[in-house]
Every structure is written in C-alpha cells, then in structure tokens.
Amino acid sequence: MSRVIVLDAGPLGLVTNPKLSAESVACAQWLQAHITLGNRVLIPEIADYEVRRELFRAHKTKGVSRLDELAKILEYLPITTTAMHQAALLWAQARQQGQPTAGDKTIDGDMILIAQAMNLAIPDVVIATTNVGHLSRFIAAELWQNITPR
C-alpha cells in the first residue's frame, strides 16, 4: 500500500520556486522519489492558495507556471464544505483548550489543511511541512526531509 503525503505550503513553495536553491533542489528530488515509488502525493487547495497568492504578489510568473504544471502531475485536493466545517470545529476546540494556532481574526490555513487531510479518512496519511508545530497536535505531520521514500 502506498503512503499518502499531503503537501503543506512550505514544501510546495520549495518545489515550485524557479530559483534553484540547494533546499529547493533537495525538496524536488525528495518529491520525485516519492512519485517514483508510487506514493500518493496531494496538493491541498489551501496550500496551493497560500503559495499562489505570494507568487502573484511578487510577480513570479515562472513560479505560477511551475505550480500549474505540478498540479497536472500530482493529485489536487479541493476544499470541501465538510473540510471547512471540520476546520471551524478544530479552530474552536484549539481556542477552548487555550492552544490557538493563529490569531483570532485569521482564517487559519493550518486548520483548513489539517481538516482536508483528516477528511481523507486514510490511516497512513502525513502532512509534509517545514513547520511541524501546530499541525502535529492534530494529525501526523513531519518535516518533509524526515518522510523517507518507501
């Protein structure tokens, strides 16, 4: 059975960055290794939004093109009403427990990402990220470098 990897905005931004830093090349190689092994890698709509808005803001058309091309190769995970309802519940619960993941006036993309991954209802799902902190309180999340291809 293949592993299911949901990309957070950090790794998604790295692999679509047209400036080839050592980290972005390593991330692209990591992603290719997972694809080659048949692991299911998903681009959640909220991560696409977070990366795309910054690319538009910075007028990085090559980055937008790379993001569009990647979306043709990988599976795209649209935001659903069910995921948004789950995200709202998680957001409220985190605040009730005194552990918010973002400011009270923010939409909190992390909660939407978590809910999108949760709603897959797959046991071996992990969010690949550059910041495990808030995510790992709710769902399996690892630094992308620590998710070894298998």
C-alpha atoms as a PDB file:
ATOM      1  CA  MET A   1       0.000   0.000   0.000  1.00  0.00           C
ATOM      2  CA  SER A   2       1.369   3.399  -0.931  1.00  0.00           C
ATOM      3  CA  ARG A   3       1.794   6.208   1.530  1.00  0.00           C
ATOM      4  CA  VAL A   4      -0.340   9.343   1.267  1.00  0.00           C
ATOM      5  CA  ILE A   5       1.565  12.619   1.603  1.00  0.00           C
ATOM      6  CA  VAL A   6      -0.253  15.932   1.807  1.00  0.00           C
ATOM      7  CA  LEU A   7       1.980  18.887   0.952  1.00  0.00           C
ATOM      8  CA  ASP A   8       1.940  21.965   3.150  1.00  0.00           C
ATOM      9  CA  ALA A   9       2.753  25.359   1.602  1.00  0.00           C
ATOM     10  CA  GLY A  10       6.426  25.169   2.642  1.00  0.00           C
ATOM     11  CA  PRO A  11       7.431  22.148   0.540  1.00  0.00           C
ATOM     12  CA  LEU A  12       5.008  23.150  -2.220  1.00  0.00           C
ATOM     13  CA  GLY A  13       6.680  26.547  -2.405  1.00  0.00           C
ATOM     14  CA  LEU A  14      10.117  24.947  -2.471  1.00  0.00           C
ATOM     15  CA  VAL A  15       9.383  22.630  -5.400  1.00  0.00           C
ATOM     16  CA  THR A  16       7.718  25.369  -7.436  1.00  0.00           C
ATOM     17  CA  ASN A  17      10.379  28.011  -6.762  1.00  0.00           C
ATOM     18  CA  PRO A  18      12.144  28.826 -10.043  1.00  0.00           C
ATOM     19  CA  LYS A  19      15.269  29.922  -8.135  1.00  0.00           C
ATOM     20  CA  LEU A  20      17.043  26.630  -7.596  1.00  0.00           C
ATOM     21  CA  SER A  21      18.486  26.795  -4.099  1.00  0.00           C
ATOM     22  CA  ALA A  22      20.061  23.719  -2.529  1.00  0.00           C
ATOM     23  CA  GLU A  23      16.933  23.264  -0.410  1.00  0.00           C
ATOM     24  CA  SER A  24      14.510  23.577  -3.326  1.00  0.00           C
ATOM     25  CA  VAL A  25      16.522  21.079  -5.405  1.00  0.00           C
ATOM     26  CA  ALA A  26      16.611  18.647  -2.459  1.00  0.00           C
ATOM     27  CA  CYS A  27      12.864  19.018  -1.976  1.00  0.00           C
ATOM     28  CA  ALA A  28      12.196  18.422  -5.690  1.00  0.00           C
ATOM     29  CA  GLN A  29      14.367  15.286  -5.582  1.00  0.00           C
ATOM     30  CA  TRP A  30      12.540  14.109  -2.449  1.00  0.00           C
ATOM     31  CA  LEU A  31       9.188  14.619  -4.170  1.00  0.00           C
ATOM     32  CA  GLN A  32      10.342  12.796  -7.303  1.00  0.00           C
ATOM     33  CA  ALA A  33      11.500   9.830  -5.206  1.00  0.00           C
ATOM     34  CA  HIS A  34       8.030   9.532  -3.644  1.00  0.00           C
ATOM     35  CA  ILE A  35       6.327   9.797  -7.018  1.00  0.00           C
ATOM     36  CA  THR A  36       8.657   7.163  -8.499  1.00  0.00           C
ATOM     37  CA  LEU A  37       7.846   4.758  -5.658  1.00  0.00           C
ATOM     38  CA  GLY A  38       4.136   5.218  -6.281  1.00  0.00           C
ATOM     39  CA  ASN A  39       3.348   7.165  -3.144  1.00  0.00           C
ATOM     40  CA  ARG A  40       0.240   9.303  -3.423  1.00  0.00           C
ATOM     41  CA  VAL A  41       1.190  12.983  -3.095  1.00  0.00           C
ATOM     42  CA  LEU A  42      -1.573  15.558  -2.850  1.00  0.00           C
ATOM     43  CA  ILE A  43      -1.684  19.310  -3.292  1.00  0.00           C
ATOM     44  CA  PRO A  44      -4.360  20.618  -0.938  1.00  0.00           C
ATOM     45  CA  GLU A  45      -6.225  23.630  -2.242  1.00  0.00           C
ATOM     46  CA  ILE A  46      -5.358  25.714   0.828  1.00  0.00           C
ATOM     47  CA  ALA A  47      -1.613  25.160   0.281  1.00  0.00           C
ATOM     48  CA  ASP A  48      -1.992  25.989  -3.415  1.00  0.00           C
ATOM     49  CA  TYR A  49      -3.748  29.217  -2.405  1.00  0.00           C
ATOM     50  CA  GLU A  50      -1.042  30.179   0.086  1.00  0.00           C
ATOM     51  CA  VAL A  51       1.774  29.609  -2.414  1.00  0.00           C
ATOM     52  CA  ARG A  52      -0.080  31.051  -5.411  1.00  0.00           C
ATOM     53  CA  ARG A  53      -1.067  34.302  -3.683  1.00  0.00           C
ATOM     54  CA  GLU A  54       2.565  35.005  -2.802  1.00  0.00           C
ATOM     55  CA  LEU A  55       3.727  34.191  -6.338  1.00  0.00           C
ATOM     56  CA  PHE A  56       1.139  36.611  -7.737  1.00  0.00           C
ATOM     57  CA  ARG A  57       2.091  39.286  -5.207  1.00  0.00           C
ATOM     58  CA  ALA A  58       5.755  39.014  -6.159  1.00  0.00           C
ATOM     59  CA  HIS A  59       5.005  38.826  -9.921  1.00  0.00           C
ATOM     60  CA  LYS A  60       6.717  35.421 -10.146  1.00  0.00           C
ATOM     61  CA  THR A  61       5.055  34.097 -13.293  1.00  0.00           C
ATOM     62  CA  LYS A  62       7.545  31.238 -13.663  1.00  0.00           C
ATOM     63  CA  GLY A  63       6.610  30.062 -10.188  1.00  0.00           C
ATOM     64  CA  VAL A  64       2.907  30.169 -11.064  1.00  0.00           C
ATOM     65  CA  SER A  65       3.635  28.119 -14.197  1.00  0.00           C
ATOM     66  CA  ARG A  66       5.607  25.583 -12.173  1.00  0.00           C
ATOM     67  CA  LEU A  67       2.726  25.324  -9.675  1.00  0.00           C
ATOM     68  CA  ASP A  68       0.250  24.778 -12.516  1.00  0.00           C
ATOM     69  CA  GLU A  69       2.477  22.080 -14.044  1.00  0.00           C
ATOM     70  CA  LEU A  70       2.879  20.310 -10.708  1.00  0.00           C
ATOM     71  CA  ALA A  71      -0.903  20.280 -10.248  1.00  0.00           C
ATOM     72  CA  LYS A  72      -1.139  18.318 -13.525  1.00  0.00           C
ATOM     73  CA  ILE A  73       1.227  15.634 -12.180  1.00  0.00           C
ATOM     74  CA  LEU A  74       0.004  15.324  -8.611  1.00  0.00           C
ATOM     75  CA  GLU A  75      -3.457  14.866  -7.184  1.00  0.00           C
ATOM     76  CA  TYR A  76      -5.271  18.089  -6.282  1.00  0.00           C
ATOM     77  CA  LEU A  77      -7.315  18.067  -3.072  1.00  0.00           C
ATOM     78  CA  PRO A  78     -10.120  20.634  -3.293  1.00  0.00           C
ATOM     79  CA  ILE A  79     -11.559  22.292  -0.218  1.00  0.00           C
ATOM     80  CA  THR A  80     -14.950  20.809   0.603  1.00  0.00           C
ATOM     81  CA  THR A  81     -17.761  22.021   2.814  1.00  0.00           C
ATOM     82  CA  THR A  82     -17.094  19.066   5.108  1.00  0.00           C
ATOM     83  CA  ALA A  83     -13.447  20.078   5.474  1.00  0.00           C
ATOM     84  CA  MET A  84     -14.400  23.690   6.220  1.00  0.00           C
ATOM     85  CA  HIS A  85     -16.870  22.565   8.890  1.00  0.00           C
ATOM     86  CA  GLN A  86     -14.180  20.342  10.422  1.00  0.00           C
ATOM     87  CA  ALA A  87     -11.663  23.220  10.298  1.00  0.00           C
ATOM     88  CA  ALA A  88     -14.108  25.505  12.126  1.00  0.00           C
ATOM     89  CA  LEU A  89     -14.599  22.876  14.832  1.00  0.00           C
ATOM     90  CA  LEU A  90     -10.842  22.350  15.221  1.00  0.00           C
ATOM     91  CA  TRP A  91     -10.273  26.118  15.367  1.00  0.00           C
ATOM     92  CA  ALA A  92     -12.859  26.465  18.155  1.00  0.00           C
ATOM     93  CA  GLN A  93     -11.539  23.462  20.099  1.00  0.00           C
ATOM     94  CA  ALA A  94      -7.965  24.761  19.979  1.00  0.00           C
ATOM     95  CA  ARG A  95      -9.093  28.077  21.422  1.00  0.00           C
ATOM     96  CA  GLN A  96     -11.254  26.422  24.076  1.00  0.00           C
ATOM     97  CA  GLN A  97      -8.160  24.482  25.163  1.00  0.00           C
ATOM     98  CA  GLY A  98      -6.086  27.669  25.232  1.00  0.00           C
ATOM     99  CA  GLN A  99      -3.877  26.497  22.339  1.00  0.00           C
ATOM    100  CA  PRO A 100      -4.753  28.591  19.283  1.00  0.00           C
ATOM    101  CA  THR A 101      -2.716  28.019  16.160  1.00  0.00           C
ATOM    102  CA  ALA A 102      -3.156  31.547  14.789  1.00  0.00           C
ATOM    103  CA  GLY A 103      -4.662  34.895  15.728  1.00  0.00           C
ATOM    104  CA  ASP A 104      -8.386  35.111  16.406  1.00  0.00           C
ATOM    105  CA  LYS A 105      -9.005  37.273  13.314  1.00  0.00           C
ATOM    106  CA  THR A 106      -7.201  34.993  10.853  1.00  0.00           C
ATOM    107  CA  ILE A 107      -8.732  32.316   8.661  1.00  0.00           C
ATOM    108  CA  ASP A 108      -6.096  29.866   9.970  1.00  0.00           C
ATOM    109  CA  GLY A 109      -4.977  27.951   6.905  1.00  0.00           C
ATOM    110  CA  ASP A 110      -3.335  25.320   9.103  1.00  0.00           C
ATOM    111  CA  MET A 111      -6.740  24.235  10.421  1.00  0.00           C
ATOM    112  CA  ILE A 112      -8.093  24.002   6.881  1.00  0.00           C
ATOM    113  CA  LEU A 113      -5.056  21.938   5.849  1.00  0.00           C
ATOM    114  CA  ILE A 114      -5.495  19.616   8.840  1.00  0.00           C
ATOM    115  CA  ALA A 115      -9.192  19.197   8.107  1.00  0.00           C
ATOM    116  CA  GLN A 116      -8.503  18.475   4.433  1.00  0.00           C
ATOM    117  CA  ALA A 117      -6.062  15.720   5.422  1.00  0.00           C
ATOM    118  CA  MET A 118      -8.387  14.340   8.121  1.00  0.00           C
ATOM    119  CA  ASN A 119     -11.289  14.137   5.713  1.00  0.00           C
ATOM    120  CA  LEU A 120      -9.333  11.773   3.501  1.00  0.00           C
ATOM    121  CA  ALA A 121     -10.007   9.197   6.246  1.00  0.00           C
ATOM    122  CA  ILE A 122      -6.821   7.307   5.363  1.00  0.00           C
ATOM    123  CA  PRO A 123      -4.757   5.733   8.154  1.00  0.00           C
ATOM    124  CA  ASP A 124      -1.289   6.299   6.656  1.00  0.00           C
ATOM    125  CA  VAL A 125      -1.578   9.987   5.791  1.00  0.00           C
ATOM    126  CA  VAL A 126       1.098  12.510   6.742  1.00  0.00           C
ATOM    127  CA  ILE A 127       1.435  16.216   6.121  1.00  0.00           C
ATOM    128  CA  ALA A 128       4.850  17.148   4.721  1.00  0.00           C
ATOM    129  CA  THR A 129       5.789  20.542   6.106  1.00  0.00           C
ATOM    130  CA  THR A 130       8.586  22.915   7.017  1.00  0.00           C
ATOM    131  CA  ASN A 131       6.985  23.613  10.415  1.00  0.00           C
ATOM    132  CA  VAL A 132       5.564  20.672  12.356  1.00  0.00           C
ATOM    133  CA  GLY A 133       4.485  22.684  15.455  1.00  0.00           C
ATOM    134  CA  HIS A 134       0.755  23.348  15.157  1.00  0.00           C
ATOM    135  CA  LEU A 135      -0.035  20.592  12.710  1.00  0.00           C
ATOM    136  CA  SER A 136       1.275  17.647  14.731  1.00  0.00           C
ATOM    137  CA  ARG A 137      -1.106  18.410  17.595  1.00  0.00           C
ATOM    138  CA  PHE A 138      -3.972  17.292  15.363  1.00  0.00           C
ATOM    139  CA  ILE A 139      -2.616  14.910  12.714  1.00  0.00           C
ATOM    140  CA  ALA A 140       0.586  13.161  11.636  1.00  0.00           C
ATOM    141  CA  ALA A 141       2.961  15.810  10.333  1.00  0.00           C
ATOM    142  CA  GLU A 142       6.682  15.638   9.639  1.00  0.00           C
ATOM    143  CA  LEU A 143       9.372  17.808   8.196  1.00  0.00           C
ATOM    144  CA  TRP A 144       9.423  16.869   4.528  1.00  0.00           C
ATOM    145  CA  GLN A 145      13.058  15.741   4.827  1.00  0.00           C
ATOM    146  CA  ASN A 146      12.070  13.222   7.519  1.00  0.00           C
ATOM    147  CA  ILE A 147       9.460  11.464   5.380  1.00  0.00           C
ATOM    148  CA  THR A 148      11.620   8.846   3.772  1.00  0.00           C
ATOM    149  CA  PRO A 149      10.560   7.364   0.451  1.00  0.00           C
ATOM    150  CA  ARG A 150       9.274   3.804   0.878  1.00  0.00           C
END
